């Protein structure tokens, strides 16, 4: 079942139930009003009958006057359909009856109820027939019970017409409502149909298209289109970055492989070579293999750092201990580099504790320190690493005395395989800072680089200070 049909049926059902309840309320209210009006009319008739009967029983009245009262009562009972009047004396004996109705006797218990309450309505009979009783006090005749009954023919006809009118109106309203619901549901869902048509035109090879419904619309469909466009932005960025990464990685991997293959091919072309030449070829091959291994490890680390944070094992780690480990490994790589550590004045031994992945954080520290040592080696400078608490964050600031970077180069330092013009003579692949940025993002941290040409560079790693569980 389509959403359009489902919406039309749901709204139609709600409106149909509402109209039906409204029609029932009108009918019941009209019926109660008509019944109350007819009951009041019968009570007035009983009062007239009581007066006429009492006057007719006056012993001082002449025979002509008594006959006149009898004619008046007969004429009175001909004005309503099947009207009948009765008078019961104090002993509940029927002393007067006139009218066109049936001679069905009323219950004695009901007559007693009329004497107690002053007036009462007998339970309404079928076919709009109603009977009421009134206690009439007369000084000569005593307490009399006057009973009047009749058929409410006007209410029967008018309620029948009202039922017919409500039924026809309800059916007509349902037809109009069904057509209107179908049209309005189609209009409400037309933006979704346009979105589906636009989404069908978006392919993996062309993610530049966007949904037009998001422009200038702030309703639910517009917000959905905006969220979808943001998703397309992230996917396009991811796809472009992936293609760029694969292209650059292929280019970087080709360089050591080409050098390795070239050395081996040249060595095989010569029949005999001195041992020193073989040793040189093996050393060159080993250097290319190491370069290839380092590059491969860096690519694997970038892929690992790009994983879902929920899939990376996290545990409490201490940044000061990791910095000492990184310092030790850096000194083994760059034995001539001077690296000064500064932990500030911290009394709490767990002040630098965070929740993270120890191997990834250590890799990020090594990348920053390794770059600082390589760049500082050009000027025989010193590397300074300062770990400190700055407000709600833990900061590691690594400063070097290298050649520095221009403002244009600073905008591309986090692009994989980018090498600034001032450091291209330094060995490397351009994956250290991009890898560090991804590791920090995985831990909810940030990395910033500040530099000026000729004044070295400062790399700042920041972790949020959170309770370690």
Protein backbone atom coordinates (compact mmCIF):
# COMPACT_ATOMS: atom_id res chain seq x y z
CA UNK A 1 0.00 0.00 0.00
CA UNK A 2 1.42 3.38 -1.00
CA UNK A 3 1.90 6.19 1.51
CA UNK A 4 -0.56 8.32 -0.46
CA UNK A 5 -3.32 5.73 -0.16
CA UNK A 6 -2.48 5.09 3.49
CA UNK A 7 -2.67 8.80 4.33
CA UNK A 8 -5.93 9.20 2.44
CA UNK A 9 -7.49 6.23 4.26
CA UNK A 10 -6.27 7.34 7.68
CA UNK A 11 -7.50 10.91 7.31
CA UNK A 12 -10.72 9.64 5.74
CA UNK A 13 -11.34 7.29 8.65
CA UNK A 14 -10.75 10.05 11.21
CA UNK A 15 -13.05 12.49 9.42
CA UNK A 16 -15.71 9.82 8.86
CA UNK A 17 -15.79 8.90 12.54
CA UNK A 18 -15.90 12.58 13.48
CA UNK A 19 -18.79 13.30 11.11
CA UNK A 20 -20.66 10.19 12.27
CA UNK A 21 -20.33 11.16 15.93
CA UNK A 22 -21.39 14.70 15.10
CA UNK A 23 -24.46 13.42 13.22
CA UNK A 24 -25.38 11.10 16.11
CA UNK A 25 -25.02 13.96 18.58
CA UNK A 26 -27.34 16.15 16.49
CA UNK A 27 -29.91 13.37 16.15
CA UNK A 28 -29.89 12.44 19.86
CA UNK A 29 -30.07 16.09 20.95
CA UNK A 30 -32.98 16.74 18.58
CA UNK A 31 -34.80 13.62 19.72
CA UNK A 32 -34.38 14.53 23.41
CA UNK A 33 -35.52 18.09 22.76
CA UNK A 34 -38.61 16.91 20.87
CA UNK A 35 -39.49 14.41 23.58
CA UNK A 36 -39.12 16.99 26.34
CA UNK A 37 -41.31 19.45 24.43
CA UNK A 38 -43.97 16.81 23.81
CA UNK A 39 -43.91 15.76 27.49
CA UNK A 40 -44.48 19.35 28.59
CA UNK A 41 -47.39 19.57 26.15
CA UNK A 42 -49.00 16.46 27.68
CA UNK A 43 -48.59 17.84 31.21
CA UNK A 44 -50.40 21.00 30.15
CA UNK A 45 -53.18 18.84 28.70
CA UNK A 46 -53.58 16.98 31.99
CA UNK A 47 -53.98 20.29 33.80
CA UNK A 48 -56.72 21.37 31.37
CA UNK A 49 -58.44 18.01 31.69
CA UNK A 50 -58.33 18.29 35.48
CA UNK A 51 -59.93 21.73 35.46
CA UNK A 52 -62.57 20.70 32.93
CA UNK A 53 -63.44 17.50 34.79
CA UNK A 54 -63.70 19.24 38.17
CA UNK A 55 -65.91 21.93 36.73
CA UNK A 56 -68.02 19.31 35.04
CA UNK A 57 -68.58 17.50 38.34
CA UNK A 58 -69.81 20.64 40.12
CA UNK A 59 -73.24 19.79 41.58
CA UNK A 60 -74.33 23.37 41.13
CA UNK A 61 -73.79 23.25 37.39
CA UNK A 62 -76.74 22.74 35.14
CA UNK A 63 -77.09 19.81 32.78
CA UNK A 64 -76.29 22.10 29.87
CA UNK A 65 -73.03 23.24 31.52
CA UNK A 66 -71.99 19.65 32.24
CA UNK A 67 -72.74 18.66 28.65
CA UNK A 68 -70.72 21.68 27.47
CA UNK A 69 -67.67 20.48 29.47
CA UNK A 70 -68.03 16.99 27.97
CA UNK A 71 -68.10 18.43 24.42
CA UNK A 72 -65.05 20.59 25.21
CA UNK A 73 -63.08 17.57 26.36
CA UNK A 74 -64.10 15.54 23.28
CA UNK A 75 -62.93 18.36 21.01
CA UNK A 76 -59.69 18.67 23.02
CA UNK A 77 -58.81 15.02 22.52
CA UNK A 78 -59.21 15.27 18.79
CA UNK A 79 -56.33 17.78 18.40
CA UNK A 80 -53.49 15.25 18.99
CA UNK A 81 -53.10 11.83 17.29
CA UNK A 82 -54.52 8.94 19.38
CA UNK A 83 -54.89 11.23 22.37
CA UNK A 84 -56.56 9.85 25.46
CA UNK A 85 -57.36 11.35 28.86
CA UNK A 86 -58.26 9.58 32.11
CA UNK A 87 -59.12 10.67 35.61
CA UNK A 88 -58.66 8.46 38.68
CA UNK A 89 -60.19 9.29 42.07
CA UNK A 90 -58.57 8.90 45.48
CA UNK A 91 -59.23 5.12 45.38
CA UNK A 92 -57.54 4.78 41.99
CA UNK A 93 -60.89 4.12 40.32
CA UNK A 94 -61.31 5.24 36.72
CA UNK A 95 -63.98 7.94 36.88
CA UNK A 96 -63.45 9.56 33.49
CA UNK A 97 -62.07 8.49 30.14
CA UNK A 98 -62.21 10.22 26.80
CA UNK A 99 -60.21 10.12 23.57
CA UNK A 100 -59.23 7.97 20.61
CA UNK A 101 -56.42 5.98 22.19
CA UNK A 102 -56.39 2.39 23.36
CA UNK A 103 -57.99 1.42 26.65
CA UNK A 104 -54.81 -0.11 28.06
CA UNK A 105 -54.81 0.25 31.85
CA UNK A 106 -51.96 1.93 33.64
CA UNK A 107 -50.15 0.17 36.52
CA UNK A 108 -51.44 0.93 40.03
CA UNK A 109 -47.84 1.30 41.25
CA UNK A 110 -47.32 4.10 38.75
CA UNK A 111 -50.49 5.86 39.98
CA UNK A 112 -49.11 5.71 43.52
CA UNK A 113 -45.83 7.18 42.27
CA UNK A 114 -47.79 10.06 40.71
CA UNK A 115 -49.54 10.72 44.04
CA UNK A 116 -46.16 10.75 45.85
CA UNK A 117 -44.18 12.90 43.43
CA UNK A 118 -46.97 15.07 42.04
CA UNK A 119 -46.32 14.08 38.43
CA UNK A 120 -44.55 11.32 36.55
CA UNK A 121 -43.88 9.99 33.08
CA UNK A 122 -44.65 6.39 32.27
CA UNK A 123 -41.82 4.63 30.47
CA UNK A 124 -42.01 5.67 26.88
CA UNK A 125 -43.72 3.09 24.77
CA UNK A 126 -42.75 2.13 21.25
CA UNK A 127 -43.73 4.03 18.14
CA UNK A 128 -43.47 7.47 19.87
CA UNK A 129 -46.41 6.82 22.22
CA UNK A 130 -46.09 8.54 25.62
CA UNK A 131 -48.17 8.64 28.82
CA UNK A 132 -47.89 11.20 31.65
CA UNK A 133 -49.71 11.60 34.97
CA UNK A 134 -50.43 14.66 37.11
CA UNK A 135 -51.81 14.91 40.66
CA UNK A 136 -54.76 17.36 40.62
CA UNK A 137 -55.99 18.66 43.97
CA UNK A 138 -59.67 19.56 44.26
CA UNK A 139 -61.38 20.62 47.47
CA UNK A 140 -64.63 18.80 46.62
CA UNK A 141 -63.38 15.73 44.76
CA UNK A 142 -60.13 15.20 46.63
CA UNK A 143 -56.79 14.28 45.03
CA UNK A 144 -57.30 13.19 41.44
CA UNK A 145 -54.76 11.61 39.11
CA UNK A 146 -55.14 12.92 35.59
CA UNK A 147 -53.48 10.77 32.90
CA UNK A 148 -52.85 11.93 29.34
CA UNK A 149 -51.35 9.90 26.52
CA UNK A 150 -50.75 10.48 22.83
CA UNK A 151 -48.51 9.68 19.89
CA UNK A 152 -45.82 12.25 18.94
CA UNK A 153 -46.49 12.08 15.22
CA UNK A 154 -44.68 15.36 14.45
CA UNK A 155 -41.49 14.12 16.05
CA UNK A 156 -41.75 10.83 14.17
CA UNK A 157 -41.95 12.60 10.83
CA UNK A 158 -39.34 15.24 11.57
CA UNK A 159 -36.84 12.74 13.01
CA UNK A 160 -37.32 10.51 9.98
CA UNK A 161 -36.56 13.47 7.74
CA UNK A 162 -33.55 14.35 9.91
CA UNK A 163 -32.21 10.78 9.63
CA UNK A 164 -32.55 10.87 5.88
CA UNK A 165 -30.89 14.30 5.67
CA UNK A 166 -27.99 13.27 7.92
CA UNK A 167 -27.45 10.02 5.98
CA UNK A 168 -27.39 11.80 2.62
CA UNK A 169 -25.14 14.56 3.98
CA UNK A 170 -22.77 12.03 5.55
CA UNK A 171 -22.46 10.05 2.30
CA UNK A 172 -21.88 13.21 0.28
CA UNK A 173 -19.29 14.42 2.79
CA UNK A 174 -17.51 11.05 2.62
CA UNK A 175 -17.31 11.22 -1.18
CA UNK A 176 -16.01 14.79 -1.18
CA UNK A 177 -13.65 13.96 1.67
CA UNK A 178 -12.25 10.90 -0.13
CA UNK A 179 -11.54 12.90 -3.29
CA UNK A 180 -10.04 15.79 -1.29
CA UNK A 181 -7.86 13.46 0.82
CA UNK A 182 -6.51 11.76 -2.29
CA UNK A 183 -5.69 15.11 -3.93
CA UNK A 184 -4.15 16.69 -0.83
CA UNK A 185 -2.14 13.56 -0.01
CA UNK A 186 -0.76 13.63 -3.54
CA UNK A 187 0.17 17.30 -3.21
CA UNK A 188 1.83 16.68 0.19
CA UNK A 189 3.89 13.79 -1.20
CA UNK A 190 4.82 15.45 -4.50
CA UNK A 191 8.13 16.74 -3.03
CA UNK A 192 8.99 13.17 -2.05
CA UNK A 193 8.34 12.00 -5.61
CA UNK A 194 10.66 14.71 -6.90
CA UNK A 195 13.27 13.68 -4.34
CA UNK A 196 13.02 10.04 -5.46
CA UNK A 197 13.45 11.10 -9.09
CA UNK A 198 16.50 13.21 -8.19
CA UNK A 199 18.01 10.46 -6.02
CA UNK A 200 17.69 8.01 -8.93
CA UNK A 201 19.98 10.30 -10.94
CA UNK A 202 22.76 10.26 -8.32
CA UNK A 203 25.40 7.60 -9.00
CA UNK A 204 28.69 6.62 -7.39
CA UNK A 205 30.56 8.17 -10.31
CA UNK A 206 28.78 11.53 -9.95
CA UNK A 207 28.10 12.64 -6.39
CA UNK A 208 28.03 16.34 -7.23
CA UNK A 209 24.24 16.49 -7.68
CA UNK A 210 22.09 17.71 -4.78
CA UNK A 211 18.39 17.64 -3.92
CA UNK A 212 16.64 20.87 -4.86
CA UNK A 213 13.88 20.45 -2.25
CA UNK A 214 16.31 21.57 0.48
CA UNK A 215 16.48 25.10 -0.92
CA UNK A 216 14.23 27.54 0.96
CA UNK A 217 12.18 24.85 2.74
CA UNK A 218 12.01 24.41 6.49
CA UNK A 219 9.38 21.67 6.79
CA UNK A 220 10.05 17.99 7.51
CA UNK A 221 10.69 17.13 3.87
CA UNK A 222 12.99 20.13 3.47
CA UNK A 223 14.99 19.13 6.55
CA UNK A 224 15.20 15.56 5.26
CA UNK A 225 16.56 16.86 1.94
CA UNK A 226 19.08 19.03 3.79
CA UNK A 227 20.28 16.05 5.85
CA UNK A 228 20.54 13.98 2.67
CA UNK A 229 22.55 16.71 0.96
CA UNK A 230 24.92 16.81 3.94
CA UNK A 231 25.27 13.04 3.65
CA UNK A 232 26.12 13.46 -0.03
CA UNK A 233 28.69 16.10 0.91
CA UNK A 234 30.38 13.67 3.30
CA UNK A 235 30.22 10.85 0.78
CA UNK A 236 31.64 13.02 -1.98
CA UNK A 237 34.44 14.19 0.28
CA UNK A 238 35.13 10.60 1.29
CA UNK A 239 35.10 9.33 -2.30
CA UNK A 240 37.33 12.15 -3.53
CA UNK A 241 39.70 11.59 -0.61
CA UNK A 242 39.75 7.87 -1.27
CA UNK A 243 40.52 8.33 -4.96
CA UNK A 244 43.21 10.88 -4.12
CA UNK A 245 44.64 8.60 -1.45
CA UNK A 246 44.76 5.61 -3.79
CA UNK A 247 46.36 7.68 -6.56
CA UNK A 248 48.99 9.21 -4.28
CA UNK A 249 49.65 5.91 -2.51
CA UNK A 250 50.17 4.18 -5.85
CA UNK A 251 52.59 6.90 -6.89
CA UNK A 252 54.56 6.69 -3.63
CA UNK A 253 54.70 2.90 -3.73
CA UNK A 254 55.89 2.93 -7.31
CA UNK A 255 58.99 4.97 -6.50
CA UNK A 256 60.74 2.45 -4.16
CA UNK A 257 59.50 -0.47 -6.25
CA UNK A 258 60.94 1.08 -9.41
CA UNK A 259 64.26 1.69 -7.68
CA UNK A 260 64.29 -1.85 -6.32
CA UNK A 261 63.50 -3.44 -9.69
CA UNK A 262 66.00 -1.21 -11.46
CA UNK A 263 68.86 -2.17 -9.15
CA UNK A 264 68.11 -5.86 -9.51
CA UNK A 265 67.80 -5.69 -13.31
CA UNK A 266 71.09 -3.80 -13.65
CA UNK A 267 72.86 -6.28 -11.41
CA UNK A 268 71.57 -9.21 -13.49
CA UNK A 269 72.72 -7.67 -16.78
CA UNK A 270 76.39 -7.91 -15.77
CA UNK A 271 77.93 -11.36 -15.78
CA UNK A 272 80.41 -10.97 -12.98
CA UNK A 273 80.74 -8.15 -10.44
CA UNK A 274 83.11 -7.60 -7.55
CA UNK A 275 81.82 -8.37 -4.02
CA UNK A 276 81.78 -4.69 -3.12
CA UNK A 277 79.38 -4.01 -6.01
CA UNK A 278 77.08 -6.81 -4.88
CA UNK A 279 77.21 -5.42 -1.39
CA UNK A 280 76.25 -1.99 -2.68
CA UNK A 281 73.33 -3.43 -4.67
CA UNK A 282 72.11 -5.37 -1.66
CA UNK A 283 72.39 -2.27 0.53
CA UNK A 284 70.47 -0.19 -1.99
CA UNK A 285 67.85 -2.91 -2.30
CA UNK A 286 67.56 -3.12 1.47
CA UNK A 287 67.11 0.66 1.72
CA UNK A 288 64.35 0.55 -0.89
CA UNK A 289 62.68 -2.37 0.88
CA UNK A 290 62.82 -0.52 4.21
CA UNK A 291 61.39 2.57 2.57
CA UNK A 292 58.64 0.45 1.06
CA UNK A 293 57.98 -1.20 4.44
CA UNK A 294 57.75 2.14 6.23
CA UNK A 295 55.41 3.48 3.61
CA UNK A 296 53.21 0.38 3.80
CA UNK A 297 53.07 0.58 7.58
CA UNK A 298 52.10 4.22 7.37
CA UNK A 299 49.29 3.44 4.93
CA UNK A 300 48.02 0.66 7.18
CA UNK A 301 48.06 2.99 10.17
CA UNK A 302 46.09 5.63 8.26
CA UNK A 303 43.49 3.00 7.33
CA UNK A 304 43.34 1.84 10.95
CA UNK A 305 43.01 5.38 12.26
CA UNK A 306 40.07 5.95 9.90
CA UNK A 307 38.03 3.14 11.43
CA UNK A 308 34.86 3.56 13.42
CA UNK A 309 35.80 4.69 16.96
CA UNK A 310 33.50 2.04 18.40
CA UNK A 311 35.61 -0.66 16.72
CA UNK A 312 38.94 0.59 18.10
CA UNK A 313 39.80 -0.83 21.56
CA UNK A 314 40.10 1.93 24.14
CA UNK A 315 41.63 1.77 27.62
CA UNK A 316 43.04 4.19 30.21
CA UNK A 317 46.52 5.36 29.13
CA UNK A 318 48.94 7.90 30.56
CA UNK A 319 50.29 10.40 28.09
CA UNK A 320 53.40 11.15 30.16
CA UNK A 321 54.47 7.49 30.04
CA UNK A 322 53.78 7.29 26.31
CA UNK A 323 55.83 10.45 25.75
CA UNK A 324 58.77 8.84 27.57
CA UNK A 325 58.45 5.74 25.35
CA UNK A 326 58.30 7.91 22.24
CA UNK A 327 61.35 9.86 23.45
CA UNK A 328 63.31 6.65 23.86
CA UNK A 329 62.42 5.35 20.39
CA UNK A 330 63.17 8.69 18.75
CA UNK A 331 66.64 8.79 20.28
CA UNK A 332 67.31 5.34 18.79
CA UNK A 333 66.23 6.58 15.35
CA UNK A 334 67.99 9.96 15.57
CA UNK A 335 70.90 9.50 17.93
CA UNK A 336 72.30 12.96 17.20
CA UNK A 337 69.00 14.79 17.83
CA UNK A 338 68.47 16.57 21.11
CA UNK A 339 64.94 16.24 22.49
CA UNK A 340 64.05 18.08 25.71
CA UNK A 341 60.95 17.00 27.66
CA UNK A 342 58.93 19.26 29.95
CA UNK A 343 56.05 17.92 32.09
CA UNK A 344 55.43 21.09 34.06
CA UNK A 345 54.50 21.08 37.72
CA UNK A 346 51.78 18.48 38.24
CA UNK A 347 51.16 16.88 41.62
CA UNK A 348 48.58 14.30 40.55
CA UNK A 349 50.16 11.20 39.03
CA UNK A 350 47.05 10.58 36.90
CA UNK A 351 46.70 14.16 35.64
CA UNK A 352 47.75 13.10 32.13
CA UNK A 353 45.54 9.99 32.02
CA UNK A 354 43.09 9.72 29.11
CA UNK A 355 41.03 6.98 27.55
CA UNK A 356 42.40 5.89 24.20
CA UNK A 357 44.32 3.37 22.14
CA UNK A 358 47.92 3.18 23.36
CA UNK A 359 49.44 2.06 20.04
CA UNK A 360 47.72 4.79 18.01
CA UNK A 361 48.56 7.60 20.46
CA UNK A 362 52.18 6.45 20.59
CA UNK A 363 52.26 6.44 16.77
CA UNK A 364 50.93 10.03 16.72
CA UNK A 365 53.64 11.20 19.16
CA UNK A 366 56.35 9.41 17.18
CA UNK A 367 55.21 11.00 13.93
CA UNK A 368 55.36 14.52 15.37
CA UNK A 369 58.72 13.98 17.12
CA UNK A 370 60.19 12.24 14.06
CA UNK A 371 59.26 15.18 11.82
CA UNK A 372 60.68 17.65 14.34
CA UNK A 373 64.00 15.75 14.56
CA UNK A 374 64.32 15.43 10.78
CA UNK A 375 63.64 19.12 10.18
CA UNK A 376 65.80 20.30 13.10
CA UNK A 377 68.72 18.19 11.83
CA UNK A 378 69.07 20.58 8.92
CA UNK A 379 70.02 23.39 11.34
CA UNK A 380 71.43 21.26 14.18
CA UNK A 381 68.55 22.54 16.31
CA UNK A 382 66.87 21.28 19.45
CA UNK A 383 63.40 19.74 19.74
CA UNK A 384 61.27 20.65 22.77
CA UNK A 385 58.23 18.58 23.83
CA UNK A 386 56.02 20.13 26.54
CA UNK A 387 53.15 18.18 28.11
CA UNK A 388 50.82 20.35 30.20
CA UNK A 389 47.28 20.86 31.46
CA UNK A 390 45.61 23.84 29.82
CA UNK A 391 42.13 24.32 31.24
CA UNK A 392 39.96 21.32 30.39
CA UNK A 393 42.45 19.91 27.89
CA UNK A 394 45.80 18.14 27.90
CA UNK A 395 48.27 19.68 25.47
CA UNK A 396 51.47 18.32 23.93
CA UNK A 397 53.46 21.09 22.22
CA UNK A 398 56.37 19.97 20.03
CA UNK A 399 58.65 22.77 18.78
CA UNK A 400 61.53 22.39 16.33
CA UNK A 401 64.17 24.70 14.86
CA UNK A 402 63.78 23.63 11.27
CA UNK A 403 63.32 25.70 8.10
CA UNK A 404 59.63 26.33 8.84
CA UNK A 405 56.63 26.38 6.52
CA UNK A 406 54.95 29.08 4.49
CA UNK A 407 51.32 30.01 5.00
CA UNK A 408 50.40 28.36 1.72
CA UNK A 409 52.08 25.11 2.75
CA UNK A 410 50.30 25.17 6.13
CA UNK A 411 46.97 24.81 4.34
CA UNK A 412 48.01 21.43 2.90
CA UNK A 413 50.01 19.82 5.71
CA UNK A 414 47.16 17.40 6.52
CA UNK A 415 46.80 16.20 2.93
CA UNK A 416 48.36 12.72 2.55
CA UNK A 417 51.69 12.64 0.67
CA UNK A 418 52.01 16.43 0.58
CA UNK A 419 55.61 17.64 0.90
CA UNK A 420 56.40 21.29 1.45
CA UNK A 421 58.94 22.82 -0.90
CA UNK A 422 61.26 23.76 2.00
CA UNK A 423 61.56 20.15 3.28
CA UNK A 424 61.54 18.09 0.13
CA UNK A 425 65.23 17.30 0.59
CA UNK A 426 64.36 15.64 3.92
CA UNK A 427 63.49 11.91 3.63
CA UNK A 428 59.78 11.16 4.12
CA UNK A 429 56.50 10.34 2.48
CA UNK A 430 54.14 13.05 3.72
CA UNK A 431 51.87 10.78 5.75
CA UNK A 432 52.99 11.63 9.30
CA UNK A 433 50.77 14.64 10.00
CA UNK A 434 47.69 13.26 8.13
CA UNK A 435 48.00 10.08 10.17
CA UNK A 436 48.35 12.09 13.39
CA UNK A 437 45.28 14.18 12.55
CA UNK A 438 43.17 11.07 12.02
CA UNK A 439 44.40 9.49 15.26
CA UNK A 440 43.58 12.65 17.22
CA UNK A 441 40.12 12.89 15.63
CA UNK A 442 39.53 9.27 16.61
CA UNK A 443 40.20 10.23 20.24
CA UNK A 444 38.11 13.41 20.16
CA UNK A 445 41.24 15.59 20.04
CA UNK A 446 42.76 18.06 17.63
CA UNK A 447 46.11 18.85 16.06
CA UNK A 448 47.28 22.31 15.01
CA UNK A 449 50.41 23.45 13.22
CA UNK A 450 51.92 26.94 13.49
CA UNK A 451 55.03 27.92 11.57
CA UNK A 452 56.89 30.70 9.82
CA UNK A 453 59.61 30.40 7.25
CA UNK A 454 63.01 30.37 8.98
CA UNK A 455 61.53 30.10 12.51
CA UNK A 456 60.72 26.42 12.81
CA UNK A 457 57.32 24.87 13.47
CA UNK A 458 55.11 24.16 16.51
CA UNK A 459 52.76 21.19 16.45
CA UNK A 460 50.13 21.18 19.18
CA UNK A 461 48.23 17.98 20.10
CA UNK A 462 45.21 18.43 22.38
CA UNK A 463 43.12 15.79 24.16
CA UNK A 464 39.90 16.54 26.08
CA UNK A 465 40.30 15.95 29.81
CA UNK A 466 37.61 13.38 30.68
CA UNK A 467 37.13 11.07 33.66
CA UNK A 468 38.97 7.80 33.05
CA UNK A 469 36.76 4.82 33.85
